[in-house]
């Protein structure tokens, strides 16, 4: 049996559209607009992306110079593409019509 790793990689669908690590450079630079939400100014490590992110600090507290990862995917179901995810989300995990 011959195993070719590149054929396995080629057969998988690419679901990750963007992935990078970000560092918080500033928090609420222009002042706070909401009580629990802060606006983060962030810079990425790999792609040198500048991102403004509004985040609920009660749920996900972040500090200056803290690092976090961002992953944007086309689907949350491994091995499928977004076209296969037609319909509405069913919380009971039943098939929707």
N, C-alpha and C. Protein backbone atom coordinates (compact mmCIF):
# COMPACT_ATOMS: atom_id res chain seq x y z
N UNK A 1 0.85 -1.18 0.00
CA UNK A 1 0.00 0.00 0.00
C UNK A 1 0.88 1.23 0.00
N UNK A 2 0.64 2.12 -0.94
CA UNK A 2 1.43 3.34 -1.06
C UNK A 2 0.59 4.51 -0.55
N UNK A 3 1.12 5.24 0.43
CA UNK A 3 0.43 6.39 1.02
C UNK A 3 1.09 7.65 0.52
N UNK A 4 0.32 8.48 -0.14
CA UNK A 4 0.83 9.74 -0.66
C UNK A 4 0.17 10.88 0.10
N UNK A 5 0.93 11.53 0.97
CA UNK A 5 0.38 12.57 1.83
C UNK A 5 -0.16 13.75 1.02
N UNK A 6 0.45 14.10 -0.08
CA UNK A 6 -0.02 15.24 -0.86
C UNK A 6 -1.40 14.98 -1.46
N UNK A 7 -1.70 13.73 -1.80
CA UNK A 7 -3.03 13.44 -2.34
C UNK A 7 -4.10 13.59 -1.27
N UNK A 8 -3.74 13.28 -0.01
CA UNK A 8 -4.69 13.45 1.09
C UNK A 8 -4.96 14.92 1.30
N UNK A 9 -3.93 15.73 1.28
CA UNK A 9 -4.09 17.16 1.47
C UNK A 9 -4.90 17.77 0.34
N UNK A 10 -4.66 17.33 -0.89
CA UNK A 10 -5.37 17.86 -2.04
C UNK A 10 -6.85 17.47 -2.02
N UNK A 11 -7.18 16.33 -1.40
CA UNK A 11 -8.57 15.88 -1.40
C UNK A 11 -9.41 16.61 -0.34
N UNK A 12 -8.80 17.25 0.62
CA UNK A 12 -9.52 17.99 1.64
C UNK A 12 -9.95 19.34 1.09
N UNK A 13 -11.14 19.76 1.48
CA UNK A 13 -11.61 21.08 1.07
C UNK A 13 -10.98 22.14 1.96
N UNK A 14 -10.60 23.24 1.36
CA UNK A 14 -10.03 24.35 2.12
C UNK A 14 -11.18 25.12 2.76
N UNK A 15 -11.20 25.14 4.09
CA UNK A 15 -12.26 25.85 4.78
C UNK A 15 -11.75 27.09 5.51
N UNK A 16 -10.45 27.20 5.75
CA UNK A 16 -9.88 28.36 6.43
C UNK A 16 -9.60 29.45 5.40
N UNK A 17 -10.30 30.55 5.52
CA UNK A 17 -10.12 31.65 4.58
C UNK A 17 -9.05 32.63 5.03
N UNK A 18 -8.91 32.79 6.35
CA UNK A 18 -7.93 33.72 6.90
C UNK A 18 -7.56 33.26 8.30
N UNK A 19 -6.27 33.31 8.60
CA UNK A 19 -5.79 32.95 9.93
C UNK A 19 -4.56 33.80 10.25
N UNK A 20 -4.58 34.42 11.44
CA UNK A 20 -3.44 35.24 11.84
C UNK A 20 -3.50 35.49 13.35
N UNK A 21 -2.39 35.90 13.90
CA UNK A 21 -2.29 36.27 15.31
C UNK A 21 -2.25 37.79 15.39
N UNK A 22 -3.02 38.34 16.33
CA UNK A 22 -3.12 39.79 16.48
C UNK A 22 -2.64 40.23 17.85
N UNK A 23 -2.09 41.44 17.91
CA UNK A 23 -1.66 42.06 19.15
C UNK A 23 -2.50 43.31 19.36
N UNK A 24 -3.01 43.48 20.57
CA UNK A 24 -3.81 44.66 20.92
C UNK A 24 -2.87 45.83 21.10
N UNK A 25 -3.02 46.85 20.25
CA UNK A 25 -2.16 48.03 20.29
C UNK A 25 -2.78 49.19 21.05
N UNK A 26 -4.12 49.26 21.06
CA UNK A 26 -4.81 50.34 21.75
C UNK A 26 -6.22 49.89 22.10
N UNK A 27 -6.75 50.42 23.21
CA UNK A 27 -8.11 50.10 23.65
C UNK A 27 -8.87 51.41 23.84
N UNK A 28 -10.02 51.52 23.19
CA UNK A 28 -10.89 52.71 23.28
C UNK A 28 -10.13 54.00 23.02
N UNK A 29 -9.38 54.03 21.94
CA UNK A 29 -8.57 55.20 21.58
C UNK A 29 -9.42 56.47 21.45
N UNK A 30 -10.63 56.33 20.92
CA UNK A 30 -11.50 57.50 20.71
C UNK A 30 -12.58 57.61 21.78
N UNK A 31 -12.40 56.91 22.91
CA UNK A 31 -13.37 56.95 23.99
C UNK A 31 -14.35 55.79 23.93
N UNK A 32 -15.02 55.53 25.05
CA UNK A 32 -15.98 54.43 25.13
C UNK A 32 -17.35 54.89 24.66
N UNK A 33 -17.97 54.06 23.82
CA UNK A 33 -19.32 54.35 23.35
C UNK A 33 -20.37 53.57 24.15
N UNK A 34 -19.97 52.39 24.68
CA UNK A 34 -20.88 51.54 25.44
C UNK A 34 -20.22 51.11 26.74
N UNK A 35 -21.03 50.74 27.72
CA UNK A 35 -20.50 50.37 29.03
C UNK A 35 -19.63 49.12 29.00
N UNK A 36 -20.11 48.06 28.36
CA UNK A 36 -19.42 46.77 28.42
C UNK A 36 -18.57 46.48 27.19
N UNK A 37 -18.67 47.30 26.16
CA UNK A 37 -17.97 47.05 24.90
C UNK A 37 -16.80 48.01 24.74
N UNK A 38 -15.66 47.46 24.34
CA UNK A 38 -14.49 48.28 24.04
C UNK A 38 -14.08 48.06 22.59
N UNK A 39 -13.48 49.07 22.00
CA UNK A 39 -12.96 48.97 20.63
C UNK A 39 -11.46 48.77 20.70
N UNK A 40 -11.01 47.66 20.16
CA UNK A 40 -9.59 47.32 20.15
C UNK A 40 -8.97 47.69 18.81
N UNK A 41 -7.80 48.29 18.85
CA UNK A 41 -7.00 48.51 17.64
C UNK A 41 -5.90 47.46 17.67
N UNK A 42 -5.87 46.61 16.64
CA UNK A 42 -4.97 45.45 16.65
C UNK A 42 -4.15 45.40 15.37
N UNK A 43 -2.98 44.78 15.46
CA UNK A 43 -2.11 44.56 14.33
C UNK A 43 -1.75 43.07 14.28
N UNK A 44 -1.78 42.51 13.06
CA UNK A 44 -1.47 41.09 12.93
C UNK A 44 0.03 40.87 12.74
N UNK A 45 0.45 39.66 13.06
CA UNK A 45 1.86 39.30 12.98
C UNK A 45 2.29 38.91 11.56
N UNK A 46 1.49 38.08 10.91
CA UNK A 46 1.90 37.46 9.65
C UNK A 46 1.60 38.36 8.44
N UNK A 47 0.34 38.80 8.33
CA UNK A 47 -0.10 39.53 7.14
C UNK A 47 -0.09 41.04 7.31
N UNK A 48 0.34 41.54 8.46
CA UNK A 48 0.40 42.97 8.75
C UNK A 48 -0.94 43.67 8.52
N UNK A 49 -2.01 43.05 9.03
CA UNK A 49 -3.36 43.58 8.91
C UNK A 49 -3.67 44.46 10.11
N UNK A 50 -4.32 45.59 9.86
CA UNK A 50 -4.80 46.47 10.91
C UNK A 50 -6.28 46.14 11.11
N UNK A 51 -6.71 45.88 12.35
CA UNK A 51 -8.09 45.52 12.60
C UNK A 51 -8.64 46.30 13.78
N UNK A 52 -9.87 46.81 13.60
CA UNK A 52 -10.62 47.42 14.69
C UNK A 52 -11.67 46.39 15.08
N UNK A 53 -11.73 46.04 16.36
CA UNK A 53 -12.63 44.99 16.83
C UNK A 53 -13.39 45.48 18.05
N UNK A 54 -14.72 45.43 17.97
CA UNK A 54 -15.56 45.76 19.12
C UNK A 54 -15.82 44.47 19.87
N UNK A 55 -15.56 44.49 21.18
CA UNK A 55 -15.65 43.26 21.96
C UNK A 55 -16.27 43.54 23.33
N UNK A 56 -17.09 42.61 23.80
CA UNK A 56 -17.69 42.70 25.13
C UNK A 56 -16.62 42.30 26.14
N UNK A 57 -16.14 43.25 26.90
CA UNK A 57 -15.04 42.99 27.83
C UNK A 57 -15.45 42.16 29.04
N UNK A 58 -16.77 42.07 29.33
CA UNK A 58 -17.23 41.19 30.40
C UNK A 58 -17.09 39.72 30.00
N UNK A 59 -17.34 39.44 28.73
CA UNK A 59 -17.28 38.06 28.23
C UNK A 59 -15.84 37.67 27.90
N UNK A 60 -15.12 38.57 27.24
CA UNK A 60 -13.74 38.28 26.81
C UNK A 60 -12.84 39.46 27.17
N UNK A 61 -12.38 39.53 28.42
CA UNK A 61 -11.52 40.65 28.81
C UNK A 61 -10.16 40.58 28.12
N UNK A 62 -9.73 41.71 27.60
CA UNK A 62 -8.47 41.80 26.86
C UNK A 62 -7.67 42.96 27.42
N UNK A 63 -6.35 42.79 27.48
CA UNK A 63 -5.47 43.85 27.95
C UNK A 63 -4.57 44.36 26.82
N UNK A 64 -4.02 45.51 27.02
CA UNK A 64 -3.08 46.12 26.08
C UNK A 64 -1.90 45.18 25.88
N UNK A 65 -1.45 45.01 24.65
CA UNK A 65 -0.34 44.16 24.23
C UNK A 65 -0.64 42.66 24.34
N UNK A 66 -1.87 42.30 24.65
CA UNK A 66 -2.25 40.89 24.68
C UNK A 66 -2.39 40.38 23.24
N UNK A 67 -2.08 39.11 23.04
CA UNK A 67 -2.18 38.50 21.72
C UNK A 67 -3.35 37.52 21.68
N UNK A 68 -3.99 37.44 20.50
CA UNK A 68 -5.06 36.47 20.28
C UNK A 68 -5.04 36.06 18.82
N UNK A 69 -5.67 34.94 18.53
CA UNK A 69 -5.72 34.41 17.16
C UNK A 69 -7.09 34.62 16.56
N UNK A 70 -7.11 34.84 15.25
CA UNK A 70 -8.36 34.97 14.51
C UNK A 70 -8.32 33.96 13.38
N UNK A 71 -9.43 33.23 13.24
CA UNK A 71 -9.59 32.27 12.16
C UNK A 71 -10.96 32.50 11.53
N UNK A 72 -10.97 32.77 10.24
CA UNK A 72 -12.22 32.92 9.50
C UNK A 72 -12.34 31.71 8.60
N UNK A 73 -13.46 31.00 8.76
CA UNK A 73 -13.67 29.77 8.00
C UNK A 73 -14.93 29.89 7.15
N UNK A 74 -14.95 29.15 6.05
CA UNK A 74 -16.13 29.15 5.19
C UNK A 74 -17.22 28.24 5.73
N UNK A 75 -16.86 27.34 6.65
CA UNK A 75 -17.81 26.41 7.24
C UNK A 75 -17.32 25.99 8.61
N UNK A 76 -18.23 25.56 9.45
CA UNK A 76 -17.86 25.03 10.76
C UNK A 76 -17.95 23.51 10.79
N UNK A 77 -18.37 22.93 9.68
CA UNK A 77 -18.49 21.49 9.57
C UNK A 77 -17.30 20.96 8.79
N UNK A 78 -16.42 20.16 9.44
CA UNK A 78 -15.25 19.64 8.74
C UNK A 78 -15.63 18.75 7.56
N UNK A 79 -14.89 18.89 6.45
CA UNK A 79 -15.09 18.02 5.29
C UNK A 79 -16.24 18.43 4.40
N UNK A 80 -16.83 19.61 4.62
CA UNK A 80 -17.92 20.07 3.76
C UNK A 80 -17.60 21.45 3.24
N UNK A 81 -18.33 21.82 2.21
CA UNK A 81 -18.19 23.19 1.73
C UNK A 81 -19.43 23.97 2.12
N UNK A 82 -19.40 25.27 1.94
CA UNK A 82 -20.50 26.11 2.40
C UNK A 82 -21.79 25.84 1.63
N UNK A 83 -21.71 25.34 0.40
CA UNK A 83 -22.90 25.04 -0.38
C UNK A 83 -23.69 23.90 0.24
N UNK A 84 -23.01 23.01 0.96
CA UNK A 84 -23.68 21.88 1.59
C UNK A 84 -24.43 22.29 2.84
N UNK A 85 -24.22 23.50 3.31
CA UNK A 85 -24.87 23.99 4.53
C UNK A 85 -26.07 24.87 4.23
N UNK A 86 -26.92 24.40 3.33
CA UNK A 86 -28.12 25.16 2.99
C UNK A 86 -29.17 24.98 4.08
N UNK A 87 -30.06 25.94 4.22
CA UNK A 87 -31.12 25.83 5.20
C UNK A 87 -30.82 26.62 6.44
N UNK A 88 -31.58 26.35 7.49
CA UNK A 88 -31.45 27.06 8.74
C UNK A 88 -30.79 26.20 9.79
N UNK A 89 -30.21 26.85 10.79
CA UNK A 89 -29.60 26.13 11.91
C UNK A 89 -30.69 25.49 12.75
N UNK A 90 -30.53 24.21 13.06
CA UNK A 90 -31.49 23.48 13.87
C UNK A 90 -30.80 23.10 15.16
N UNK A 91 -31.18 23.73 16.24
CA UNK A 91 -30.51 23.52 17.52
C UNK A 91 -30.68 22.10 18.04
N UNK A 92 -31.75 21.41 17.64
CA UNK A 92 -32.00 20.05 18.11
C UNK A 92 -31.21 19.01 17.32
N UNK A 93 -30.42 19.44 16.35
CA UNK A 93 -29.60 18.56 15.52
C UNK A 93 -30.44 17.61 14.68
N UNK A 94 -31.67 17.99 14.38
CA UNK A 94 -32.53 17.22 13.50
C UNK A 94 -32.34 17.75 12.08
N UNK A 95 -32.61 16.92 11.12
CA UNK A 95 -32.50 17.38 9.75
C UNK A 95 -33.63 18.34 9.44
N UNK A 96 -33.28 19.48 8.83
CA UNK A 96 -34.31 20.43 8.49
C UNK A 96 -34.86 20.10 7.11
N UNK A 97 -36.13 20.43 6.83
CA UNK A 97 -36.76 20.07 5.54
C UNK A 97 -36.14 20.79 4.38
